[in-house]
């Protein structure tokens, strides 16, 4: 849930809106679920839930733990995504070099990827994969190539066919296959787990923009 909130409600850009949704889904909802389960358990034991020890002792501890967990997450997120400070003409200048941070739920942990970390995005069946130098990640949720194409265009990414978006900084050149297909040549080969043989072929309507982007590098 927090990964989905990160992609739609940024802590810095939409602070109050994010506090509302974070409180609703990450604090209030878990608390209500906990109360509901414990009331069912008390009824099963034949106890009066309102008079139970749970409300007086255990429940405040659980609520405090949930709040502390959320506070830790917020602090961790803000530190990890803090804009870098550079030096320009002897002055400190705050820069936001990577506004498009992609947060992925991977192996029960949140992984944050900057545009400079990403080699390409591609679709495999109904899943969107993200390829870096170290790993290949499978995204969850409603992420689409159409949305990624728009979001990462200014970071040097380009759609080359219906199934793939590549980081143009990885591209060395191309070799023509025919008038409607170009084979992308990378500085270093990109290895993906998918067996699609035409994944890095520029097709049809994407050719003109690909050539223009390559010439402007």
Protein backbone atom coordinates (compact mmCIF):
# COMPACT_ATOMS: atom_id res chain seq x y z
CA UNK A 1 0.00 0.00 0.00
CA UNK A 2 2.79 2.45 0.87
CA UNK A 3 4.46 1.73 -2.49
CA UNK A 4 1.26 2.64 -4.32
CA UNK A 5 0.89 5.79 -2.19
CA UNK A 6 4.51 6.76 -2.96
CA UNK A 7 3.80 6.67 -6.68
CA UNK A 8 0.60 8.74 -6.46
CA UNK A 9 0.99 11.03 -3.42
CA UNK A 10 4.52 12.34 -2.94
CA UNK A 11 5.43 13.35 0.62
CA UNK A 12 7.09 16.59 -0.48
CA UNK A 13 4.75 17.70 -3.24
CA UNK A 14 1.43 16.66 -1.64
CA UNK A 15 2.28 16.62 2.07
CA UNK A 16 -1.18 17.12 3.62
CA UNK A 17 -2.87 14.84 1.11
CA UNK A 18 -0.27 12.14 1.77
CA UNK A 19 -0.65 12.47 5.56
CA UNK A 20 -4.39 11.90 5.15
CA UNK A 21 -4.04 8.77 3.00
CA UNK A 22 -1.14 7.40 5.06
CA UNK A 23 -3.14 7.86 8.27
CA UNK A 24 -6.20 6.24 6.73
CA UNK A 25 -4.58 3.17 5.17
CA UNK A 26 -1.50 2.66 7.37
CA UNK A 27 -2.85 3.62 10.82
CA UNK A 28 -6.64 3.74 11.09
CA UNK A 29 -7.37 0.72 8.87
CA UNK A 30 -4.89 -1.63 10.67
CA UNK A 31 -6.22 -0.45 14.05
CA UNK A 32 -9.83 -1.15 13.03
CA UNK A 33 -8.88 -4.57 11.68
CA UNK A 34 -7.11 -5.36 14.95
CA UNK A 35 -10.13 -4.25 16.99
CA UNK A 36 -12.46 -6.32 14.85
CA UNK A 37 -10.37 -9.48 15.17
CA UNK A 38 -9.96 -9.09 18.92
CA UNK A 39 -13.68 -8.46 19.44
CA UNK A 40 -14.43 -11.69 17.55
CA UNK A 41 -11.84 -13.51 19.66
CA UNK A 42 -13.34 -12.13 22.90
CA UNK A 43 -16.83 -13.17 21.82
CA UNK A 44 -15.51 -16.65 21.08
CA UNK A 45 -14.10 -16.84 24.64
CA UNK A 46 -17.34 -15.48 26.10
CA UNK A 47 -15.70 -12.32 27.43
CA UNK A 48 -17.02 -8.74 27.42
CA UNK A 49 -14.73 -7.01 24.94
CA UNK A 50 -15.11 -3.50 26.40
CA UNK A 51 -14.00 -4.76 29.81
CA UNK A 52 -11.14 -6.89 28.49
CA UNK A 53 -7.48 -6.38 29.37
CA UNK A 54 -6.75 -5.93 25.67
CA UNK A 55 -8.29 -2.43 25.48
CA UNK A 56 -6.52 -1.22 28.61
CA UNK A 57 -3.04 -2.64 28.04
CA UNK A 58 -2.40 -4.32 24.69
CA UNK A 59 -4.34 -1.99 22.40
CA UNK A 60 -2.45 1.24 23.34
CA UNK A 61 0.84 -0.60 22.80
CA UNK A 62 -0.26 -1.83 19.36
CA UNK A 63 -1.42 1.67 18.32
CA UNK A 64 1.88 3.17 19.50
CA UNK A 65 3.83 0.55 17.57
CA UNK A 66 1.88 1.24 14.36
CA UNK A 67 2.45 5.00 14.70
CA UNK A 68 6.17 4.52 15.40
CA UNK A 69 6.47 2.21 12.40
CA UNK A 70 4.88 4.84 10.16
CA UNK A 71 7.14 7.57 11.57
CA UNK A 72 10.19 5.42 10.86
CA UNK A 73 9.01 4.83 7.29
CA UNK A 74 8.42 8.55 6.67
CA UNK A 75 11.84 9.53 8.05
CA UNK A 76 13.54 6.77 6.04
CA UNK A 77 11.73 7.84 2.85
CA UNK A 78 12.56 11.54 3.28
CA UNK A 79 16.24 10.80 3.94
CA UNK A 80 16.52 8.46 0.95
CA UNK A 81 14.84 10.94 -1.40
CA UNK A 82 16.41 14.15 -0.07
CA UNK A 83 17.50 16.46 -2.92
CA UNK A 84 21.26 16.64 -3.34
CA UNK A 85 23.20 19.84 -2.73
CA UNK A 86 25.72 20.87 -5.35
CA UNK A 87 28.15 23.76 -5.72
CA UNK A 88 27.78 26.39 -8.42
CA UNK A 89 29.98 29.50 -8.57
CA UNK A 90 30.98 29.03 -4.95
CA UNK A 91 27.37 28.81 -3.74
CA UNK A 92 25.41 25.88 -2.44
CA UNK A 93 22.65 25.03 -4.88
CA UNK A 94 19.91 22.55 -4.07
CA UNK A 95 19.35 20.21 -6.98
CA UNK A 96 16.74 17.59 -7.60
CA UNK A 97 18.56 15.46 -10.14
CA UNK A 98 16.17 12.51 -9.97
CA UNK A 99 12.57 13.53 -9.31
CA UNK A 100 11.29 10.29 -10.87
CA UNK A 101 12.24 7.90 -8.12
CA UNK A 102 10.60 4.53 -8.68
CA UNK A 103 9.78 2.67 -5.47
CA UNK A 104 9.35 -1.09 -5.84
CA UNK A 105 8.19 -3.67 -3.31
CA UNK A 106 10.86 -6.34 -3.77
CA UNK A 107 11.50 -9.34 -1.52
CA UNK A 108 9.56 -7.77 1.40
CA UNK A 109 11.56 -4.51 1.20
CA UNK A 110 11.16 -1.16 -0.53
CA UNK A 111 13.71 -0.58 -3.28
CA UNK A 112 14.09 2.94 -4.68
CA UNK A 113 15.48 3.28 -8.19
CA UNK A 114 16.73 6.52 -9.72
CA UNK A 115 16.55 7.05 -13.49
CA UNK A 116 20.34 6.65 -13.64
CA UNK A 117 19.97 3.15 -12.14
CA UNK A 118 17.52 1.95 -14.79
CA UNK A 119 18.56 0.45 -18.13
CA UNK A 120 15.11 -0.29 -19.50
CA UNK A 121 11.48 -1.12 -18.81
CA UNK A 122 9.72 -3.90 -20.67
CA UNK A 123 6.43 -5.76 -20.65
CA UNK A 124 6.33 -9.51 -20.18
CA UNK A 125 2.76 -10.75 -20.43
CA UNK A 126 0.76 -8.61 -18.01
CA UNK A 127 3.81 -7.66 -15.92
CA UNK A 128 6.13 -4.66 -16.20
CA UNK A 129 9.81 -5.45 -15.59
CA UNK A 130 12.52 -2.96 -14.60
CA UNK A 131 16.12 -3.82 -15.53
CA UNK A 132 19.17 -2.36 -13.77
CA UNK A 133 22.85 -3.30 -13.86
CA UNK A 134 22.39 -5.47 -10.78
CA UNK A 135 18.88 -6.92 -10.94
CA UNK A 136 15.66 -7.30 -12.84
CA UNK A 137 12.58 -6.29 -10.84
CA UNK A 138 8.95 -7.17 -11.39
CA UNK A 139 6.60 -4.31 -10.51
CA UNK A 140 3.25 -4.70 -8.80
CA UNK A 141 0.08 -2.67 -9.18
CA UNK A 142 -1.22 -0.64 -12.10
CA UNK A 143 2.11 0.58 -13.54
CA UNK A 144 2.00 0.75 -17.36
CA UNK A 145 4.47 1.40 -20.16
CA UNK A 146 2.33 4.27 -21.41
CA UNK A 147 2.65 6.04 -18.04
CA UNK A 148 6.38 5.28 -17.79
CA UNK A 149 6.96 6.56 -21.33
CA UNK A 150 5.60 9.98 -20.35
CA UNK A 151 7.09 10.06 -16.85
CA UNK A 152 10.67 9.25 -17.90
CA UNK A 153 10.88 10.99 -21.28
CA UNK A 154 12.72 14.01 -19.86
CA UNK A 155 15.18 11.66 -18.14
CA UNK A 156 16.37 10.33 -21.50
CA UNK A 157 14.12 7.28 -21.83
CA UNK A 158 12.41 6.41 -25.10
CA UNK A 159 9.75 3.96 -26.20
CA UNK A 160 11.10 1.83 -29.06
CA UNK A 161 8.22 -0.59 -29.58
CA UNK A 162 5.02 -1.74 -27.90
CA UNK A 163 6.91 -3.77 -25.30
CA UNK A 164 10.02 -1.78 -24.34
CA UNK A 165 11.34 1.59 -23.12
CA UNK A 166 15.11 2.06 -23.02
CA UNK A 167 17.53 4.49 -21.40
CA UNK A 168 19.09 6.24 -24.40
CA UNK A 169 22.33 6.74 -22.46
CA UNK A 170 22.94 3.02 -22.90
CA UNK A 171 22.62 3.22 -26.71
CA UNK A 172 25.69 3.27 -28.95
CA UNK A 173 23.91 3.15 -32.30
CA UNK A 174 21.74 0.95 -34.49
CA UNK A 175 21.82 -1.34 -37.49
CA UNK A 176 18.92 -1.32 -39.96
CA UNK A 177 17.01 -4.54 -40.50
CA UNK A 178 14.62 -3.04 -43.05
CA UNK A 179 12.73 0.24 -43.55
CA UNK A 180 10.45 -0.47 -40.59
CA UNK A 181 12.84 -2.14 -38.13
CA UNK A 182 16.13 -1.12 -36.50
CA UNK A 183 18.30 -3.24 -34.24
CA UNK A 184 19.55 -1.28 -31.19
CA UNK A 185 23.28 -1.49 -30.43
CA UNK A 186 24.16 -0.87 -26.77
CA UNK A 187 27.46 0.22 -25.23
CA UNK A 188 27.11 -2.85 -23.00
CA UNK A 189 24.64 -5.68 -23.78
CA UNK A 190 21.47 -5.63 -21.69
CA UNK A 191 20.48 -9.05 -20.40
CA UNK A 192 16.83 -9.74 -19.57
CA UNK A 193 15.11 -12.85 -18.27
CA UNK A 194 12.41 -12.73 -20.92
CA UNK A 195 12.93 -14.78 -24.08
CA UNK A 196 11.52 -12.17 -26.51
CA UNK A 197 13.95 -12.01 -29.43
CA UNK A 198 12.68 -8.68 -30.77
CA UNK A 199 12.58 -6.80 -27.45
CA UNK A 200 15.24 -4.27 -28.50
CA UNK A 201 14.05 -3.74 -32.07
CA UNK A 202 12.84 -0.22 -32.91
CA UNK A 203 9.66 -0.53 -34.94
CA UNK A 204 7.38 1.58 -37.14
CA UNK A 205 6.27 4.89 -35.65
CA UNK A 206 9.05 4.89 -33.03
CA UNK A 207 11.91 5.01 -35.57
CA UNK A 208 11.89 8.75 -36.34
CA UNK A 209 11.92 9.78 -32.68
CA UNK A 210 14.62 7.21 -31.90
CA UNK A 211 16.90 8.55 -34.64
CA UNK A 212 16.28 12.14 -33.56
CA UNK A 213 17.03 11.36 -29.93
CA UNK A 214 20.19 9.48 -30.90
CA UNK A 215 21.46 12.38 -33.03
CA UNK A 216 20.87 14.88 -30.21
CA UNK A 217 22.93 12.93 -27.67
